[in-house]
Amino acid sequence: GGLSDADIDKMVKEAEANAASDKIRKDLVEAQNAADSLINSTEKALAEHGDKVGADEKTAIETGLAELKTAREGTDAEDIRAKTNTLVQASMKLGEAMYAQQQGAGEGDAAPADDGVVDAEFEEVSDTDGDDKKSA
């Protein structure tokens, strides 16, 4: 009572068809996850550093965000990836502004804190007159 060759062929064909649709589904999920990550990081960066880019750049970023959110709701992985790339390009100026601010903050942090401690070098002078008392 085994499977006939026709049944086996049918099962192999179904598995191949499912593999193709599974690959398409996986591709879509990966594109959606990348889009979600970029949307979240861009919204956060825009909220914190949006004032550091020009109005044109900010508008381009906001437009890119809106287009990616719309594409993200669909099932076209290629469209989602294209909109993701568009937003990445639009948000480059924002990234540059954030980097410049971090560099500025890094330089400020590197400055020594004035905590009242004075570093000084000193030299011991030997007592040449033979007196054992040290001058104060």
C-alpha atoms as a PDB file:
ATOM      1  CA  GLY A   1       0.000   0.000   0.000  1.00  0.00           C
ATOM      2  CA  GLY A   2       2.619   2.613  -0.993  1.00  0.00           C
ATOM      3  CA  LEU A   3       2.207   5.761  -3.003  1.00  0.00           C
ATOM      4  CA  SER A   4       1.934   5.508  -6.758  1.00  0.00           C
ATOM      5  CA  ASP A   5       4.465   7.248  -8.990  1.00  0.00           C
ATOM      6  CA  ALA A   6       1.724   9.722  -9.978  1.00  0.00           C
ATOM      7  CA  ASP A   7       1.093  10.582  -6.307  1.00  0.00           C
ATOM      8  CA  ILE A   8       4.817  11.052  -5.684  1.00  0.00           C
ATOM      9  CA  ASP A   9       5.190  13.281  -8.757  1.00  0.00           C
ATOM     10  CA  LYS A  10       2.188  15.334  -7.641  1.00  0.00           C
ATOM     11  CA  MET A  11       3.661  15.789  -4.134  1.00  0.00           C
ATOM     12  CA  VAL A  12       7.063  16.809  -5.544  1.00  0.00           C
ATOM     13  CA  LYS A  13       5.418  19.397  -7.816  1.00  0.00           C
ATOM     14  CA  GLU A  14       3.373  20.789  -4.890  1.00  0.00           C
ATOM     15  CA  ALA A  15       6.510  21.025  -2.756  1.00  0.00           C
ATOM     16  CA  GLU A  16       8.336  22.883  -5.540  1.00  0.00           C
ATOM     17  CA  ALA A  17       5.405  25.276  -5.959  1.00  0.00           C
ATOM     18  CA  ASN A  18       5.297  25.873  -2.211  1.00  0.00           C
ATOM     19  CA  ALA A  19       9.055  26.439  -2.114  1.00  0.00           C
ATOM     20  CA  ALA A  20       8.696  29.208  -4.682  1.00  0.00           C
ATOM     21  CA  SER A  21       5.845  30.882  -2.787  1.00  0.00           C
ATOM     22  CA  ASP A  22       7.745  30.421   0.500  1.00  0.00           C
ATOM     23  CA  LYS A  23      10.743  32.201  -1.028  1.00  0.00           C
ATOM     24  CA  ILE A  24       8.528  35.060  -2.206  1.00  0.00           C
ATOM     25  CA  ARG A  25       6.949  35.284   1.250  1.00  0.00           C
ATOM     26  CA  LYS A  26      10.362  35.239   2.959  1.00  0.00           C
ATOM     27  CA  ASP A  27      11.586  37.974   0.602  1.00  0.00           C
ATOM     28  CA  LEU A  28       8.542  40.097   1.456  1.00  0.00           C
ATOM     29  CA  VAL A  29       8.951  39.620   5.215  1.00  0.00           C
ATOM     30  CA  GLU A  30      12.647  40.560   5.029  1.00  0.00           C
ATOM     31  CA  ALA A  31      11.814  43.706   3.028  1.00  0.00           C
ATOM     32  CA  GLN A  32       9.054  44.618   5.510  1.00  0.00           C
ATOM     33  CA  ASN A  33      11.373  44.091   8.488  1.00  0.00           C
ATOM     34  CA  ALA A  34      14.062  46.289   6.932  1.00  0.00           C
ATOM     35  CA  ALA A  35      11.404  48.926   6.224  1.00  0.00           C
ATOM     36  CA  ASP A  36      10.093  48.776   9.807  1.00  0.00           C
ATOM     37  CA  SER A  37      13.592  49.204  11.196  1.00  0.00           C
ATOM     38  CA  LEU A  38      14.335  52.166   8.927  1.00  0.00           C
ATOM     39  CA  ILE A  39      10.963  53.795   9.648  1.00  0.00           C
ATOM     40  CA  ASN A  40      11.530  53.558  13.406  1.00  0.00           C
ATOM     41  CA  SER A  41      15.110  54.807  13.345  1.00  0.00           C
ATOM     42  CA  THR A  42      14.307  57.626  10.915  1.00  0.00           C
ATOM     43  CA  GLU A  43      11.289  58.812  12.929  1.00  0.00           C
ATOM     44  CA  LYS A  44      13.396  58.831  16.106  1.00  0.00           C
ATOM     45  CA  ALA A  45      16.280  60.650  14.406  1.00  0.00           C
ATOM     46  CA  LEU A  46      13.899  63.157  12.821  1.00  0.00           C
ATOM     47  CA  ALA A  47      12.279  63.893  16.188  1.00  0.00           C
ATOM     48  CA  GLU A  48      15.640  64.383  17.905  1.00  0.00           C
ATOM     49  CA  HIS A  49      17.669  66.044  15.136  1.00  0.00           C
ATOM     50  CA  GLY A  50      15.169  67.267  12.525  1.00  0.00           C
ATOM     51  CA  ASP A  51      15.985  70.877  13.373  1.00  0.00           C
ATOM     52  CA  LYS A  52      19.570  70.344  12.210  1.00  0.00           C
ATOM     53  CA  VAL A  53      18.703  69.811   8.536  1.00  0.00           C
ATOM     54  CA  GLY A  54      17.272  72.237   6.031  1.00  0.00           C
ATOM     55  CA  ALA A  55      13.564  72.444   5.260  1.00  0.00           C
ATOM     56  CA  ASP A  56      14.056  70.773   1.856  1.00  0.00           C
ATOM     57  CA  GLU A  57      15.897  67.804   3.372  1.00  0.00           C
ATOM     58  CA  LYS A  58      13.308  67.475   6.135  1.00  0.00           C
ATOM     59  CA  THR A  59      10.470  67.510   3.578  1.00  0.00           C
ATOM     60  CA  ALA A  60      12.261  64.864   1.476  1.00  0.00           C
ATOM     61  CA  ILE A  61      12.697  62.670   4.563  1.00  0.00           C
ATOM     62  CA  GLU A  62       9.050  63.073   5.595  1.00  0.00           C
ATOM     63  CA  THR A  63       7.898  62.280   2.037  1.00  0.00           C
ATOM     64  CA  GLY A  64      10.171  59.233   1.943  1.00  0.00           C
ATOM     65  CA  LEU A  65       8.783  58.072   5.285  1.00  0.00           C
ATOM     66  CA  ALA A  66       5.178  58.415   4.103  1.00  0.00           C
ATOM     67  CA  GLU A  67       5.892  56.579   0.830  1.00  0.00           C
ATOM     68  CA  LEU A  68       7.730  53.766   2.617  1.00  0.00           C
ATOM     69  CA  LYS A  69       4.921  53.363   5.164  1.00  0.00           C
ATOM     70  CA  THR A  70       2.424  53.044   2.301  1.00  0.00           C
ATOM     71  CA  ALA A  71       4.612  50.562   0.409  1.00  0.00           C
ATOM     72  CA  ARG A  72       5.229  48.611   3.634  1.00  0.00           C
ATOM     73  CA  GLU A  73       1.496  47.852   3.878  1.00  0.00           C
ATOM     74  CA  GLY A  74       1.536  46.254   0.432  1.00  0.00           C
ATOM     75  CA  THR A  75       2.909  42.924  -0.743  1.00  0.00           C
ATOM     76  CA  ASP A  76       5.418  44.113  -3.371  1.00  0.00           C
ATOM     77  CA  ALA A  77       8.836  43.386  -1.865  1.00  0.00           C
ATOM     78  CA  GLU A  78      10.615  45.154  -4.736  1.00  0.00           C
ATOM     79  CA  ASP A  79       8.565  48.345  -4.188  1.00  0.00           C
ATOM     80  CA  ILE A  80       9.275  48.208  -0.443  1.00  0.00           C
ATOM     81  CA  ARG A  81      13.017  47.866  -1.116  1.00  0.00           C
ATOM     82  CA  ALA A  82      12.937  50.734  -3.626  1.00  0.00           C
ATOM     83  CA  LYS A  83      11.147  53.031  -1.151  1.00  0.00           C
ATOM     84  CA  THR A  84      13.547  51.911   1.604  1.00  0.00           C
ATOM     85  CA  ASN A  85      16.499  52.938  -0.582  1.00  0.00           C
ATOM     86  CA  THR A  86      14.823  56.255  -1.387  1.00  0.00           C
ATOM     87  CA  LEU A  87      14.402  56.998   2.325  1.00  0.00           C
ATOM     88  CA  VAL A  88      17.994  55.962   3.063  1.00  0.00           C
ATOM     89  CA  GLN A  89      19.194  58.460   0.443  1.00  0.00           C
ATOM     90  CA  ALA A  90      16.877  61.210   1.704  1.00  0.00           C
ATOM     91  CA  SER A  91      17.938  60.754   5.315  1.00  0.00           C
ATOM     92  CA  MET A  92      21.698  60.905   4.645  1.00  0.00           C
ATOM     93  CA  LYS A  93      21.809  64.618   5.522  1.00  0.00           C
ATOM     94  CA  LEU A  94      20.109  63.825   8.815  1.00  0.00           C
ATOM     95  CA  GLY A  95      22.750  61.202   9.531  1.00  0.00           C
ATOM     96  CA  GLU A  96      25.488  63.700   8.715  1.00  0.00           C
ATOM     97  CA  ALA A  97      23.951  66.250  11.092  1.00  0.00           C
ATOM     98  CA  MET A  98      23.729  63.652  13.873  1.00  0.00           C
ATOM     99  CA  TYR A  99      27.341  62.602  13.261  1.00  0.00           C
ATOM    100  CA  ALA A 100      28.534  66.217  13.347  1.00  0.00           C
ATOM    101  CA  GLN A 101      26.728  66.766  16.643  1.00  0.00           C
ATOM    102  CA  GLN A 102      28.252  63.602  18.124  1.00  0.00           C
ATOM    103  CA  GLN A 103      31.703  64.734  17.020  1.00  0.00           C
ATOM    104  CA  GLY A 104      31.117  68.106  18.679  1.00  0.00           C
ATOM    105  CA  ALA A 105      29.891  66.435  21.855  1.00  0.00           C
ATOM    106  CA  GLY A 106      32.838  64.051  21.769  1.00  0.00           C
ATOM    107  CA  GLU A 107      35.287  66.942  21.611  1.00  0.00           C
ATOM    108  CA  GLY A 108      33.550  68.635  24.529  1.00  0.00           C
ATOM    109  CA  ASP A 109      33.657  65.448  26.580  1.00  0.00           C
ATOM    110  CA  ALA A 110      37.371  65.092  25.938  1.00  0.00           C
ATOM    111  CA  ALA A 111      38.134  68.421  27.637  1.00  0.00           C
ATOM    112  CA  PRO A 112      39.374  67.914  31.193  1.00  0.00           C
ATOM    113  CA  ALA A 113      36.877  68.689  33.901  1.00  0.00           C
ATOM    114  CA  ASP A 114      37.877  71.512  36.250  1.00  0.00           C
ATOM    115  CA  ASP A 115      37.604  69.693  39.549  1.00  0.00           C
ATOM    116  CA  GLY A 116      39.962  71.939  41.527  1.00  0.00           C
ATOM    117  CA  VAL A 117      42.932  69.562  41.283  1.00  0.00           C
ATOM    118  CA  VAL A 118      46.121  71.202  40.105  1.00  0.00           C
ATOM    119  CA  ASP A 119      48.814  69.043  38.561  1.00  0.00           C
ATOM    120  CA  ALA A 120      52.253  70.450  39.262  1.00  0.00           C
ATOM    121  CA  GLU A 121      55.814  69.269  38.900  1.00  0.00           C
ATOM    122  CA  PHE A 122      58.209  69.790  41.737  1.00  0.00           C
ATOM    123  CA  GLU A 123      61.880  69.343  42.334  1.00  0.00           C
ATOM    124  CA  GLU A 124      63.495  68.466  45.653  1.00  0.00           C
ATOM    125  CA  VAL A 125      66.304  70.802  46.537  1.00  0.00           C
ATOM    126  CA  SER A 126      68.985  69.327  48.742  1.00  0.00           C
ATOM    127  CA  ASP A 127      69.964  71.197  51.880  1.00  0.00           C
ATOM    128  CA  THR A 128      73.535  72.301  51.089  1.00  0.00           C
ATOM    129  CA  ASP A 129      74.397  74.153  54.315  1.00  0.00           C
ATOM    130  CA  GLY A 130      74.391  70.994  56.417  1.00  0.00           C
ATOM    131  CA  ASP A 131      71.317  71.995  58.429  1.00  0.00           C
ATOM    132  CA  ASP A 132      68.983  69.017  58.921  1.00  0.00           C
ATOM    133  CA  LYS A 133      65.923  71.257  59.195  1.00  0.00           C
ATOM    134  CA  LYS A 134      63.898  71.512  56.032  1.00  0.00           C
ATOM    135  CA  SER A 135      62.508  74.880  55.155  1.00  0.00           C
ATOM    136  CA  ALA A 136      58.769  74.975  55.032  1.00  0.00           C
END
